[in-house]
Amino acid sequence: MKLTTFSDYMLRVLVYLSLDPDRLATIAQIAGAYGISENHLMKVVQQLVRQGWVESVRGRSGGVRLAVEPDAIRVGEVVRAAQGDTPAVECLATDGGDCRITGACRLPGILGEALDAFYSTLDRYTVADLVTQSRPLQRTLGRIPIVVAPARPAATPRKARS
């Protein structure tokens, strides 16, 4: 199974933000660190905000930061959210697609089993697992100082996701 660029970028943003979860980062900083398009990252960050994993702070000193702890974000959940409901092959579509051998072929069952194993493996890991060696990651990303966020109000602590 090949991950979409969208999935890849979602994970990259989460990794970047996990390196310093309490500070704000701008889309430009993240895009610059990875050498990727700011426009594409904006869509990625919007999805991460919709999922509740990232929060966006507006204004001149704004940016984005994690909304939950990195160990509460399962890699499999991120990939599922990014990949959407697009089946790996036509015969795995809920309507069976237009394949003439749907129903007589064993491929859907075998591919379904493989996808279950793929996601089962990803579900064993969290975003925190991706940044266990943060110093090499920070050096590799050439991190520039991140904008310091205003103090988070006590009434809005990070929430844990299950």
C-alpha atoms as a PDB file:
ATOM      1  CA  MET A   1       0.000   0.000   0.000  1.00  0.00           C
ATOM      2  CA  LYS A   2       1.328   3.408  -0.894  1.00  0.00           C
ATOM      3  CA  LEU A   3       0.595   6.320   1.416  1.00  0.00           C
ATOM      4  CA  THR A   4      -0.660   9.490  -0.184  1.00  0.00           C
ATOM      5  CA  THR A   5       1.398  12.671  -0.023  1.00  0.00           C
ATOM      6  CA  PHE A   6      -1.374  14.034   2.198  1.00  0.00           C
ATOM      7  CA  SER A   7      -0.777  11.205   4.724  1.00  0.00           C
ATOM      8  CA  ASP A   8       2.963  11.791   4.605  1.00  0.00           C
ATOM      9  CA  TYR A   9       2.565  15.524   5.201  1.00  0.00           C
ATOM     10  CA  MET A  10       0.103  14.992   8.068  1.00  0.00           C
ATOM     11  CA  LEU A  11       2.660  12.837   9.824  1.00  0.00           C
ATOM     12  CA  ARG A  12       5.469  15.306   9.087  1.00  0.00           C
ATOM     13  CA  VAL A  13       3.512  18.206  10.595  1.00  0.00           C
ATOM     14  CA  LEU A  14       2.746  16.162  13.710  1.00  0.00           C
ATOM     15  CA  VAL A  15       6.413  15.184  14.038  1.00  0.00           C
ATOM     16  CA  TYR A  16       7.522  18.805  13.691  1.00  0.00           C
ATOM     17  CA  LEU A  17       5.020  20.041  16.272  1.00  0.00           C
ATOM     18  CA  SER A  18       5.851  17.176  18.645  1.00  0.00           C
ATOM     19  CA  LEU A  19       9.460  18.290  18.887  1.00  0.00           C
ATOM     20  CA  ASP A  20       8.269  21.257  20.978  1.00  0.00           C
ATOM     21  CA  PRO A  21       4.561  20.719  21.687  1.00  0.00           C
ATOM     22  CA  ASP A  22       3.929  23.878  23.721  1.00  0.00           C
ATOM     23  CA  ARG A  23       5.265  26.358  21.182  1.00  0.00           C
ATOM     24  CA  LEU A  24       3.586  27.767  18.133  1.00  0.00           C
ATOM     25  CA  ALA A  25       4.977  27.123  14.676  1.00  0.00           C
ATOM     26  CA  THR A  26       3.952  28.779  11.459  1.00  0.00           C
ATOM     27  CA  ILE A  27       3.072  26.992   8.243  1.00  0.00           C
ATOM     28  CA  ALA A  28       6.041  28.780   6.656  1.00  0.00           C
ATOM     29  CA  GLN A  29       8.423  27.376   9.265  1.00  0.00           C
ATOM     30  CA  ILE A  30       7.152  23.836   8.815  1.00  0.00           C
ATOM     31  CA  ALA A  31       7.183  24.094   5.021  1.00  0.00           C
ATOM     32  CA  GLY A  32      10.702  25.543   5.103  1.00  0.00           C
ATOM     33  CA  ALA A  33      11.971  22.790   7.386  1.00  0.00           C
ATOM     34  CA  TYR A  34      10.744  20.106   4.995  1.00  0.00           C
ATOM     35  CA  GLY A  35      11.157  21.990   1.729  1.00  0.00           C
ATOM     36  CA  ILE A  36       7.508  21.517   0.777  1.00  0.00           C
ATOM     37  CA  SER A  37       4.642  23.725  -0.417  1.00  0.00           C
ATOM     38  CA  GLU A  38       2.991  26.073   2.079  1.00  0.00           C
ATOM     39  CA  ASN A  39      -0.272  25.892   0.112  1.00  0.00           C
ATOM     40  CA  HIS A  40      -0.430  22.115   0.415  1.00  0.00           C
ATOM     41  CA  LEU A  41       0.496  22.286   4.107  1.00  0.00           C
ATOM     42  CA  MET A  42      -2.368  24.671   4.783  1.00  0.00           C
ATOM     43  CA  LYS A  43      -4.828  21.981   3.669  1.00  0.00           C
ATOM     44  CA  VAL A  44      -3.004  19.394   5.749  1.00  0.00           C
ATOM     45  CA  VAL A  45      -3.089  21.589   8.861  1.00  0.00           C
ATOM     46  CA  GLN A  46      -6.802  22.281   8.338  1.00  0.00           C
ATOM     47  CA  GLN A  47      -7.430  18.529   8.406  1.00  0.00           C
ATOM     48  CA  LEU A  48      -5.287  18.125  11.535  1.00  0.00           C
ATOM     49  CA  VAL A  49      -7.285  20.891  13.230  1.00  0.00           C
ATOM     50  CA  ARG A  50     -10.599  19.245  12.192  1.00  0.00           C
ATOM     51  CA  GLN A  51      -9.381  15.971  13.695  1.00  0.00           C
ATOM     52  CA  GLY A  52      -8.588  17.755  16.976  1.00  0.00           C
ATOM     53  CA  TRP A  53      -4.876  16.916  16.969  1.00  0.00           C
ATOM     54  CA  VAL A  54      -3.687  20.466  16.232  1.00  0.00           C
ATOM     55  CA  GLU A  55      -4.965  23.838  17.340  1.00  0.00           C
ATOM     56  CA  SER A  56      -4.646  27.042  15.382  1.00  0.00           C
ATOM     57  CA  VAL A  57      -3.971  30.386  17.027  1.00  0.00           C
ATOM     58  CA  ARG A  58      -4.887  33.384  14.894  1.00  0.00           C
ATOM     59  CA  GLY A  59      -3.256  36.766  14.848  1.00  0.00           C
ATOM     60  CA  ARG A  60       0.118  38.321  14.261  1.00  0.00           C
ATOM     61  CA  SER A  61       1.795  36.034  16.781  1.00  0.00           C
ATOM     62  CA  GLY A  62      -0.308  33.062  15.744  1.00  0.00           C
ATOM     63  CA  GLY A  63       0.532  29.661  14.438  1.00  0.00           C
ATOM     64  CA  VAL A  64      -0.251  26.051  15.166  1.00  0.00           C
ATOM     65  CA  ARG A  65       0.622  23.641  17.950  1.00  0.00           C
ATOM     66  CA  LEU A  66      -0.468  20.253  19.161  1.00  0.00           C
ATOM     67  CA  ALA A  67      -3.870  20.166  20.818  1.00  0.00           C
ATOM     68  CA  VAL A  68      -3.209  16.788  22.452  1.00  0.00           C
ATOM     69  CA  GLU A  69      -0.138  15.025  23.767  1.00  0.00           C
ATOM     70  CA  PRO A  70       1.922  13.236  21.090  1.00  0.00           C
ATOM     71  CA  ASP A  71       1.436   9.899  22.879  1.00  0.00           C
ATOM     72  CA  ALA A  72      -2.347  10.252  22.430  1.00  0.00           C
ATOM     73  CA  ILE A  73      -2.145  10.327  18.621  1.00  0.00           C
ATOM     74  CA  ARG A  74      -1.998   6.885  16.998  1.00  0.00           C
ATOM     75  CA  VAL A  75      -0.149   6.722  13.691  1.00  0.00           C
ATOM     76  CA  GLY A  76      -2.796   4.376  12.263  1.00  0.00           C
ATOM     77  CA  GLU A  77      -5.540   6.844  13.129  1.00  0.00           C
ATOM     78  CA  VAL A  78      -3.665   9.631  11.325  1.00  0.00           C
ATOM     79  CA  VAL A  79      -3.140   7.510   8.214  1.00  0.00           C
ATOM     80  CA  ARG A  80      -6.792   6.420   8.183  1.00  0.00           C
ATOM     81  CA  ALA A  81      -7.922  10.048   8.466  1.00  0.00           C
ATOM     82  CA  ALA A  82      -5.619  11.097   5.625  1.00  0.00           C
ATOM     83  CA  GLN A  83      -6.222   8.170   3.297  1.00  0.00           C
ATOM     84  CA  GLY A  84      -9.991   8.440   3.605  1.00  0.00           C
ATOM     85  CA  ASP A  85     -12.352   5.750   2.388  1.00  0.00           C
ATOM     86  CA  THR A  86     -10.663   5.189  -0.950  1.00  0.00           C
ATOM     87  CA  PRO A  87     -10.306   1.424  -1.398  1.00  0.00           C
ATOM     88  CA  ALA A  88      -6.873  -0.015  -2.207  1.00  0.00           C
ATOM     89  CA  VAL A  89      -8.387  -1.728  -5.250  1.00  0.00           C
ATOM     90  CA  GLU A  90     -11.755  -1.446  -6.975  1.00  0.00           C
ATOM     91  CA  CYS A  91     -13.150  -4.719  -5.650  1.00  0.00           C
ATOM     92  CA  LEU A  92     -12.761  -3.497  -2.048  1.00  0.00           C
ATOM     93  CA  ALA A  93     -15.272  -0.707  -2.667  1.00  0.00           C
ATOM     94  CA  THR A  94     -18.502  -1.171  -0.743  1.00  0.00           C
ATOM     95  CA  ASP A  95     -20.393  -1.750  -3.992  1.00  0.00           C
ATOM     96  CA  GLY A  96     -17.771  -4.167  -5.338  1.00  0.00           C
ATOM     97  CA  GLY A  97     -16.844  -1.796  -8.149  1.00  0.00           C
ATOM     98  CA  ASP A  98     -17.083  -2.916 -11.762  1.00  0.00           C
ATOM     99  CA  CYS A  99     -14.815  -5.940 -11.508  1.00  0.00           C
ATOM    100  CA  ARG A 100     -16.365  -8.912 -13.311  1.00  0.00           C
ATOM    101  CA  ILE A 101     -14.989 -11.482 -10.883  1.00  0.00           C
ATOM    102  CA  THR A 102     -16.135  -9.799  -7.657  1.00  0.00           C
ATOM    103  CA  GLY A 103     -17.753 -12.450  -5.525  1.00  0.00           C
ATOM    104  CA  ALA A 104     -15.812 -15.297  -7.127  1.00  0.00           C
ATOM    105  CA  CYS A 105     -12.336 -13.950  -6.398  1.00  0.00           C
ATOM    106  CA  ARG A 106     -10.370 -14.361  -3.172  1.00  0.00           C
ATOM    107  CA  LEU A 107      -8.337 -11.177  -3.702  1.00  0.00           C
ATOM    108  CA  PRO A 108     -10.649  -8.882  -1.673  1.00  0.00           C
ATOM    109  CA  GLY A 109     -10.342 -11.122   1.383  1.00  0.00           C
ATOM    110  CA  ILE A 110      -6.582 -11.401   1.091  1.00  0.00           C
ATOM    111  CA  LEU A 111      -6.127  -7.653   0.551  1.00  0.00           C
ATOM    112  CA  GLY A 112      -8.517  -6.887   3.402  1.00  0.00           C
ATOM    113  CA  GLU A 113      -6.457  -9.113   5.691  1.00  0.00           C
ATOM    114  CA  ALA A 114      -3.252  -7.391   4.565  1.00  0.00           C
ATOM    115  CA  LEU A 115      -4.733  -3.921   5.160  1.00  0.00           C
ATOM    116  CA  ASP A 116      -5.915  -4.981   8.617  1.00  0.00           C
ATOM    117  CA  ALA A 117      -2.364  -6.127   9.429  1.00  0.00           C
ATOM    118  CA  PHE A 118      -0.934  -2.870   8.033  1.00  0.00           C
ATOM    119  CA  TYR A 119      -3.189  -0.706  10.197  1.00  0.00           C
ATOM    120  CA  SER A 120      -2.773  -2.983  13.193  1.00  0.00           C
ATOM    121  CA  THR A 121       0.965  -2.366  13.031  1.00  0.00           C
ATOM    122  CA  LEU A 122       0.524   1.407  12.659  1.00  0.00           C
ATOM    123  CA  ASP A 123      -1.925   1.430  15.581  1.00  0.00           C
ATOM    124  CA  ARG A 124       0.816   0.116  17.877  1.00  0.00           C
ATOM    125  CA  TYR A 125       2.720   3.397  17.487  1.00  0.00           C
ATOM    126  CA  THR A 126       2.007   6.968  18.481  1.00  0.00           C
ATOM    127  CA  VAL A 127       3.410  10.247  17.222  1.00  0.00           C
ATOM    128  CA  ALA A 128       5.532  10.306  20.390  1.00  0.00           C
ATOM    129  CA  ASP A 129       7.234   7.118  19.153  1.00  0.00           C
ATOM    130  CA  LEU A 130       8.219   8.973  15.963  1.00  0.00           C
ATOM    131  CA  VAL A 131      10.170  11.606  17.897  1.00  0.00           C
ATOM    132  CA  THR A 132      11.968   9.501  20.500  1.00  0.00           C
ATOM    133  CA  GLN A 133      15.309  10.700  19.122  1.00  0.00           C
ATOM    134  CA  SER A 134      14.391  14.373  18.894  1.00  0.00           C
ATOM    135  CA  ARG A 135      17.895  15.882  18.735  1.00  0.00           C
ATOM    136  CA  PRO A 136      18.805  14.250  15.404  1.00  0.00           C
ATOM    137  CA  LEU A 137      15.368  15.204  14.057  1.00  0.00           C
ATOM    138  CA  GLN A 138      15.820  18.815  15.137  1.00  0.00           C
ATOM    139  CA  ARG A 139      19.279  18.954  13.529  1.00  0.00           C
ATOM    140  CA  THR A 140      18.005  17.360  10.331  1.00  0.00           C
ATOM    141  CA  LEU A 141      15.082  19.756  10.105  1.00  0.00           C
ATOM    142  CA  GLY A 142      17.368  22.745  10.681  1.00  0.00           C
ATOM    143  CA  ARG A 143      14.807  24.071  13.103  1.00  0.00           C
ATOM    144  CA  ILE A 144      14.669  27.820  13.395  1.00  0.00           C
ATOM    145  CA  PRO A 145      13.322  29.330  16.620  1.00  0.00           C
ATOM    146  CA  ILE A 146       9.595  28.872  16.907  1.00  0.00           C
ATOM    147  CA  VAL A 147       7.266  31.736  17.889  1.00  0.00           C
ATOM    148  CA  VAL A 148       6.556  31.525  21.600  1.00  0.00           C
ATOM    149  CA  ALA A 149       2.845  31.171  22.229  1.00  0.00           C
ATOM    150  CA  PRO A 150       0.970  33.217  24.786  1.00  0.00           C
ATOM    151  CA  ALA A 151       0.371  31.261  27.978  1.00  0.00           C
ATOM    152  CA  ARG A 152      -2.369  28.697  27.561  1.00  0.00           C
ATOM    153  CA  PRO A 153      -5.384  29.476  29.779  1.00  0.00           C
ATOM    154  CA  ALA A 154      -5.799  26.983  32.623  1.00  0.00           C
ATOM    155  CA  ALA A 155      -9.359  26.260  31.463  1.00  0.00           C
ATOM    156  CA  THR A 156      -8.207  24.747  28.143  1.00  0.00           C
ATOM    157  CA  PRO A 157      -5.749  21.943  28.939  1.00  0.00           C
ATOM    158  CA  ARG A 158      -4.780  19.505  26.257  1.00  0.00           C
ATOM    159  CA  LYS A 159      -7.265  16.747  25.957  1.00  0.00           C
ATOM    160  CA  ALA A 160      -6.344  13.106  25.635  1.00  0.00           C
ATOM    161  CA  ARG A 161      -7.660  11.247  22.616  1.00  0.00           C
ATOM    162  CA  SER A 162      -8.615   7.641  22.807  1.00  0.00           C
END
